[in-house]
Amino acid sequence: MKTEDNLPAVQSVVKDGSFVQIKVLFFAKARDITGLTELSMEVSSGSTTQDCLNKLVAKFPNLDEI
């Protein structure tokens, strides 16, 4: 999956209609900041990319710099 610059890549799977389980892949600077290569998170169905990014930044505030 291609990503622009250092932004994490996101894959999603519909779980039950009200929530979606997503798999976030971290590359380059995002990997350095989080210390992770990937992370599974659950978000509300219908969440936007920005909603998911906001949730990631809440968990890893230093991601805001990229």
PDB file of N, CA and C in Angstrom:
ATOM      1  N   MET A   1       0.843  -1.165   0.000  1.00  0.00           N
ATOM      2  CA  MET A   1       0.000   0.000   0.000  1.00  0.00           C
ATOM      3  C   MET A   1       0.894   1.235   0.000  1.00  0.00           C
ATOM      4  N   LYS A   2       0.731   2.142  -0.959  1.00  0.00           N
ATOM      5  CA  LYS A   2       1.541   3.345  -1.036  1.00  0.00           C
ATOM      6  C   LYS A   2       1.021   4.397  -0.072  1.00  0.00           C
ATOM      7  N   THR A   3       1.937   5.170   0.462  1.00  0.00           N
ATOM      8  CA  THR A   3       1.562   6.298   1.310  1.00  0.00           C
ATOM      9  C   THR A   3       2.312   7.521   0.835  1.00  0.00           C
ATOM     10  N   GLU A   4       1.745   8.692   1.107  1.00  0.00           N
ATOM     11  CA  GLU A   4       2.429   9.926   0.793  1.00  0.00           C
ATOM     12  C   GLU A   4       3.308  10.293   1.968  1.00  0.00           C
ATOM     13  N   ASP A   5       4.533  10.682   1.690  1.00  0.00           N
ATOM     14  CA  ASP A   5       5.485  11.098   2.715  1.00  0.00           C
ATOM     15  C   ASP A   5       5.575  10.068   3.829  1.00  0.00           C
ATOM     16  N   ASN A   6       5.322  10.478   5.060  1.00  0.00           N
ATOM     17  CA  ASN A   6       5.477   9.597   6.211  1.00  0.00           C
ATOM     18  C   ASN A   6       4.147   9.227   6.849  1.00  0.00           C
ATOM     19  N   LEU A   7       3.042   9.525   6.198  1.00  0.00           N
ATOM     20  CA  LEU A   7       1.737   9.267   6.795  1.00  0.00           C
ATOM     21  C   LEU A   7       1.484   7.775   6.912  1.00  0.00           C
ATOM     22  N   PRO A   8       0.781   7.350   7.977  1.00  0.00           N
ATOM     23  CA  PRO A   8       0.489   5.932   8.128  1.00  0.00           C
ATOM     24  C   PRO A   8      -0.499   5.451   7.071  1.00  0.00           C
ATOM     25  N   ALA A   9      -0.373   4.207   6.677  1.00  0.00           N
ATOM     26  CA  ALA A   9      -1.327   3.579   5.769  1.00  0.00           C
ATOM     27  C   ALA A   9      -2.426   2.950   6.613  1.00  0.00           C
ATOM     28  N   VAL A  10      -3.642   2.921   6.091  1.00  0.00           N
ATOM     29  CA  VAL A  10      -4.763   2.382   6.859  1.00  0.00           C
ATOM     30  C   VAL A  10      -5.516   1.367   6.015  1.00  0.00           C
ATOM     31  N   GLN A  11      -5.786   0.204   6.588  1.00  0.00           N
ATOM     32  CA  GLN A  11      -6.644  -0.806   5.977  1.00  0.00           C
ATOM     33  C   GLN A  11      -7.850  -0.954   6.882  1.00  0.00           C
ATOM     34  N   SER A  12      -9.029  -1.241   6.332  1.00  0.00           N
ATOM     35  CA  SER A  12     -10.197  -1.364   7.201  1.00  0.00           C
ATOM     36  C   SER A  12     -10.985  -2.630   6.912  1.00  0.00           C
ATOM     37  N   VAL A  13     -11.703  -3.083   7.928  1.00  0.00           N
ATOM     38  CA  VAL A  13     -12.582  -4.241   7.830  1.00  0.00           C
ATOM     39  C   VAL A  13     -13.848  -3.901   8.598  1.00  0.00           C
ATOM     40  N   VAL A  14     -15.019  -4.046   7.961  1.00  0.00           N
ATOM     41  CA  VAL A  14     -16.271  -3.786   8.666  1.00  0.00           C
ATOM     42  C   VAL A  14     -16.483  -4.891   9.677  1.00  0.00           C
ATOM     43  N   LYS A  15     -16.724  -4.489  10.931  1.00  0.00           N
ATOM     44  CA  LYS A  15     -16.836  -5.462  12.007  1.00  0.00           C
ATOM     45  C   LYS A  15     -18.282  -5.878  12.231  1.00  0.00           C
ATOM     46  N   ASP A  16     -19.181  -4.934  12.537  1.00  0.00           N
ATOM     47  CA  ASP A  16     -20.566  -5.310  12.819  1.00  0.00           C
ATOM     48  C   ASP A  16     -21.571  -4.251  12.396  1.00  0.00           C
ATOM     49  N   GLY A  17     -21.165  -3.263  11.650  1.00  0.00           N
ATOM     50  CA  GLY A  17     -22.085  -2.243  11.193  1.00  0.00           C
ATOM     51  C   GLY A  17     -21.995  -0.951  11.979  1.00  0.00           C
ATOM     52  N   SER A  18     -21.649  -1.011  13.252  1.00  0.00           N
ATOM     53  CA  SER A  18     -21.553   0.218  14.026  1.00  0.00           C
ATOM     54  C   SER A  18     -20.101   0.608  14.287  1.00  0.00           C
ATOM     55  N   PHE A  19     -19.217  -0.340  14.172  1.00  0.00           N
ATOM     56  CA  PHE A  19     -17.794  -0.075  14.358  1.00  0.00           C
ATOM     57  C   PHE A  19     -17.000  -0.733  13.243  1.00  0.00           C
ATOM     58  N   VAL A  20     -15.839  -0.182  12.988  1.00  0.00           N
ATOM     59  CA  VAL A  20     -14.930  -0.718  11.984  1.00  0.00           C
ATOM     60  C   VAL A  20     -13.581  -0.942  12.659  1.00  0.00           C
ATOM     61  N   GLN A  21     -13.006  -2.099  12.424  1.00  0.00           N
ATOM     62  CA  GLN A  21     -11.661  -2.402  12.922  1.00  0.00           C
ATOM     63  C   GLN A  21     -10.697  -2.006  11.815  1.00  0.00           C
ATOM     64  N   ILE A  22      -9.776  -1.105  12.110  1.00  0.00           N
ATOM     65  CA  ILE A  22      -8.798  -0.702  11.104  1.00  0.00           C
ATOM     66  C   ILE A  22      -7.402  -1.123  11.540  1.00  0.00           C
ATOM     67  N   LYS A  23      -6.558  -1.324  10.564  1.00  0.00           N
ATOM     68  CA  LYS A  23      -5.160  -1.668  10.812  1.00  0.00           C
ATOM     69  C   LYS A  23      -4.329  -0.522  10.244  1.00  0.00           C
ATOM     70  N   VAL A  24      -3.614   0.158  11.114  1.00  0.00           N
ATOM     71  CA  VAL A  24      -2.780   1.286  10.714  1.00  0.00           C
ATOM     72  C   VAL A  24      -1.345   0.789  10.609  1.00  0.00           C
ATOM     73  N   LEU A  25      -0.723   1.041   9.468  1.00  0.00           N
ATOM     74  CA  LEU A  25       0.674   0.665   9.250  1.00  0.00           C
ATOM     75  C   LEU A  25       1.524   1.924   9.338  1.00  0.00           C
ATOM     76  N   PHE A  26       2.568   1.884  10.149  1.00  0.00           N
ATOM     77  CA  PHE A  26       3.433   3.039  10.350  1.00  0.00           C
ATOM     78  C   PHE A  26       4.734   2.870   9.573  1.00  0.00           C
ATOM     79  N   PHE A  27       5.145   3.942   8.899  1.00  0.00           N
ATOM     80  CA  PHE A  27       6.374   3.955   8.120  1.00  0.00           C
ATOM     81  C   PHE A  27       7.218   5.163   8.506  1.00  0.00           C
ATOM     82  N   ALA A  28       8.515   5.057   8.299  1.00  0.00           N
ATOM     83  CA  ALA A  28       9.472   6.160   8.447  1.00  0.00           C
ATOM     84  C   ALA A  28       9.301   6.899   9.772  1.00  0.00           C
ATOM     85  N   LYS A  29       9.075   8.196   9.717  1.00  0.00           N
ATOM     86  CA  LYS A  29       8.991   9.043  10.917  1.00  0.00           C
ATOM     87  C   LYS A  29       7.851   8.596  11.829  1.00  0.00           C
ATOM     88  N   ALA A  30       6.717   8.212  11.275  1.00  0.00           N
ATOM     89  CA  ALA A  30       5.587   7.751  12.095  1.00  0.00           C
ATOM     90  C   ALA A  30       5.978   6.500  12.883  1.00  0.00           C
ATOM     91  N   ARG A  31       6.754   5.626  12.280  1.00  0.00           N
ATOM     92  CA  ARG A  31       7.240   4.424  12.972  1.00  0.00           C
ATOM     93  C   ARG A  31       8.199   4.814  14.095  1.00  0.00           C
ATOM     94  N   ASP A  32       9.062   5.781  13.821  1.00  0.00           N
ATOM     95  CA  ASP A  32       9.998   6.250  14.850  1.00  0.00           C
ATOM     96  C   ASP A  32       9.254   6.862  16.034  1.00  0.00           C
ATOM     97  N   ILE A  33       8.235   7.647  15.755  1.00  0.00           N
ATOM     98  CA  ILE A  33       7.479   8.331  16.810  1.00  0.00           C
ATOM     99  C   ILE A  33       6.699   7.345  17.668  1.00  0.00           C
ATOM    100  N   THR A  34       6.024   6.397  17.033  1.00  0.00           N
ATOM    101  CA  THR A  34       5.159   5.474  17.778  1.00  0.00           C
ATOM    102  C   THR A  34       5.912   4.279  18.337  1.00  0.00           C
ATOM    103  N   GLY A  35       7.012   3.922  17.685  1.00  0.00           N
ATOM    104  CA  GLY A  35       7.725   2.711  18.072  1.00  0.00           C
ATOM    105  C   GLY A  35       7.016   1.450  17.606  1.00  0.00           C
ATOM    106  N   LEU A  36       6.035   1.617  16.718  1.00  0.00           N
ATOM    107  CA  LEU A  36       5.231   0.495  16.224  1.00  0.00           C
ATOM    108  C   LEU A  36       5.337   0.378  14.712  1.00  0.00           C
ATOM    109  N   THR A  37       5.146  -0.841  14.210  1.00  0.00           N
ATOM    110  CA  THR A  37       5.037  -1.037  12.767  1.00  0.00           C
ATOM    111  C   THR A  37       3.573  -1.050  12.344  1.00  0.00           C
ATOM    112  N   GLU A  38       2.697  -1.462  13.272  1.00  0.00           N
ATOM    113  CA  GLU A  38       1.259  -1.463  12.980  1.00  0.00           C
ATOM    114  C   GLU A  38       0.458  -1.387  14.270  1.00  0.00           C
ATOM    115  N   LEU A  39      -0.816  -0.995  14.128  1.00  0.00           N
ATOM    116  CA  LEU A  39      -1.717  -0.858  15.261  1.00  0.00           C
ATOM    117  C   LEU A  39      -3.132  -1.131  14.777  1.00  0.00           C
ATOM    118  N   SER A  40      -3.871  -1.962  15.493  1.00  0.00           N
ATOM    119  CA  SER A  40      -5.288  -2.171  15.204  1.00  0.00           C
ATOM    120  C   SER A  40      -6.094  -1.246  16.099  1.00  0.00           C
ATOM    121  N   MET A  41      -7.087  -0.567  15.529  1.00  0.00           N
ATOM    122  CA  MET A  41      -7.970   0.303  16.304  1.00  0.00           C
ATOM    123  C   MET A  41      -9.398   0.106  15.831  1.00  0.00           C
ATOM    124  N   GLU A  42     -10.323   0.377  16.723  1.00  0.00           N
ATOM    125  CA  GLU A  42     -11.738   0.322  16.397  1.00  0.00           C
ATOM    126  C   GLU A  42     -12.259   1.750  16.333  1.00  0.00           C
ATOM    127  N   VAL A  43     -12.943   2.070  15.233  1.00  0.00           N
ATOM    128  CA  VAL A  43     -13.531   3.398  15.068  1.00  0.00           C
ATOM    129  C   VAL A  43     -14.993   3.237  14.680  1.00  0.00           C
ATOM    130  N   SER A  44     -15.760   4.284  14.880  1.00  0.00           N
ATOM    131  CA  SER A  44     -17.175   4.249  14.526  1.00  0.00           C
ATOM    132  C   SER A  44     -17.342   4.102  13.026  1.00  0.00           C
ATOM    133  N   SER A  45     -18.342   3.335  12.627  1.00  0.00           N
ATOM    134  CA  SER A  45     -18.675   3.201  11.219  1.00  0.00           C
ATOM    135  C   SER A  45     -18.992   4.592  10.677  1.00  0.00           C
ATOM    136  N   GLY A  46     -18.488   4.913   9.518  1.00  0.00           N
ATOM    137  CA  GLY A  46     -18.720   6.226   8.933  1.00  0.00           C
ATOM    138  C   GLY A  46     -17.680   7.254   9.331  1.00  0.00           C
ATOM    139  N   SER A  47     -16.698   6.849  10.129  1.00  0.00           N
ATOM    140  CA  SER A  47     -15.623   7.770  10.511  1.00  0.00           C
ATOM    141  C   SER A  47     -14.859   8.203   9.269  1.00  0.00           C
ATOM    142  N   THR A  48     -14.424   9.442   9.283  1.00  0.00           N
ATOM    143  CA  THR A  48     -13.616   9.949   8.177  1.00  0.00           C
ATOM    144  C   THR A  48     -12.145   9.646   8.445  1.00  0.00           C
ATOM    145  N   THR A  49     -11.342   9.844   7.430  1.00  0.00           N
ATOM    146  CA  THR A  49      -9.900   9.695   7.598  1.00  0.00           C
ATOM    147  C   THR A  49      -9.401  10.650   8.671  1.00  0.00           C
ATOM    148  N   GLN A  50      -9.952  11.867   8.677  1.00  0.00           N
ATOM    149  CA  GLN A  50      -9.551  12.854   9.685  1.00  0.00           C
ATOM    150  C   GLN A  50      -9.919  12.384  11.089  1.00  0.00           C
ATOM    151  N   ASP A  51     -11.084  11.744  11.247  1.00  0.00           N
ATOM    152  CA  ASP A  51     -11.474  11.194  12.554  1.00  0.00           C
ATOM    153  C   ASP A  51     -10.448  10.168  13.031  1.00  0.00           C
ATOM    154  N   CYS A  52     -10.032   9.307  12.126  1.00  0.00           N
ATOM    155  CA  CYS A  52      -9.042   8.276  12.469  1.00  0.00           C
ATOM    156  C   CYS A  52      -7.704   8.910  12.815  1.00  0.00           C
ATOM    157  N   LEU A  53      -7.303   9.901  12.040  1.00  0.00           N
ATOM    158  CA  LEU A  53      -6.046  10.589  12.308  1.00  0.00           C
ATOM    159  C   LEU A  53      -6.098  11.294  13.663  1.00  0.00           C
ATOM    160  N   ASN A  54      -7.233  11.921  13.973  1.00  0.00           N
ATOM    161  CA  ASN A  54      -7.388  12.588  15.270  1.00  0.00           C
ATOM    162  C   ASN A  54      -7.246  11.593  16.416  1.00  0.00           C
ATOM    163  N   LYS A  55      -7.802  10.409  16.238  1.00  0.00           N
ATOM    164  CA  LYS A  55      -7.699   9.374  17.270  1.00  0.00           C
ATOM    165  C   LYS A  55      -6.243   8.928  17.441  1.00  0.00           C
ATOM    166  N   LEU A  56      -5.528   8.811  16.334  1.00  0.00           N
ATOM    167  CA  LEU A  56      -4.109   8.442  16.397  1.00  0.00           C
ATOM    168  C   LEU A  56      -3.280   9.523  17.093  1.00  0.00           C
ATOM    169  N   VAL A  57      -3.551  10.784  16.761  1.00  0.00           N
ATOM    170  CA  VAL A  57      -2.803  11.889  17.370  1.00  0.00           C
ATOM    171  C   VAL A  57      -3.118  11.988  18.861  1.00  0.00           C
ATOM    172  N   ALA A  58      -4.346  11.657  19.255  1.00  0.00           N
ATOM    173  CA  ALA A  58      -4.690  11.649  20.682  1.00  0.00           C
ATOM    174  C   ALA A  58      -3.865  10.592  21.417  1.00  0.00           C
ATOM    175  N   LYS A  59      -3.626   9.476  20.750  1.00  0.00           N
ATOM    176  CA  LYS A  59      -2.855   8.385  21.353  1.00  0.00           C
ATOM    177  C   LYS A  59      -1.350   8.651  21.282  1.00  0.00           C
ATOM    178  N   PHE A  60      -0.914   9.269  20.191  1.00  0.00           N
ATOM    179  CA  PHE A  60       0.506   9.568  19.966  1.00  0.00           C
ATOM    180  C   PHE A  60       0.629  11.049  19.574  1.00  0.00           C
ATOM    181  N   PRO A  61       0.630  11.956  20.542  1.00  0.00           N
ATOM    182  CA  PRO A  61       0.618  13.399  20.246  1.00  0.00           C
ATOM    183  C   PRO A  61       1.733  13.874  19.314  1.00  0.00           C
ATOM    184  N   ASN A  62       2.873  13.236  19.339  1.00  0.00           N
ATOM    185  CA  ASN A  62       3.978  13.671  18.478  1.00  0.00           C
ATOM    186  C   ASN A  62       3.727  13.405  16.997  1.00  0.00           C
ATOM    187  N   LEU A  63       2.714  12.615  16.666  1.00  0.00           N
ATOM    188  CA  LEU A  63       2.366  12.421  15.252  1.00  0.00           C
ATOM    189  C   LEU A  63       1.886  13.725  14.629  1.00  0.00           C
ATOM    190  N   ASP A  64       1.421  14.642  15.455  1.00  0.00           N
ATOM    191  CA  ASP A  64       0.923  15.925  14.956  1.00  0.00           C
ATOM    192  C   ASP A  64       1.998  16.699  14.198  1.00  0.00           C
ATOM    193  N   GLU A  65       3.256  16.449  14.512  1.00  0.00           N
ATOM    194  CA  GLU A  65       4.348  17.171  13.850  1.00  0.00           C
ATOM    195  C   GLU A  65       4.559  16.729  12.409  1.00  0.00           C
ATOM    196  N   ILE A  66       4.013  15.586  12.022  1.00  0.00           N
ATOM    197  CA  ILE A  66       4.172  15.155  10.633  1.00  0.00           C
ATOM    198  C   ILE A  66       2.835  15.264   9.948  1.00  0.00           C
TER     199      ILE A  66
END
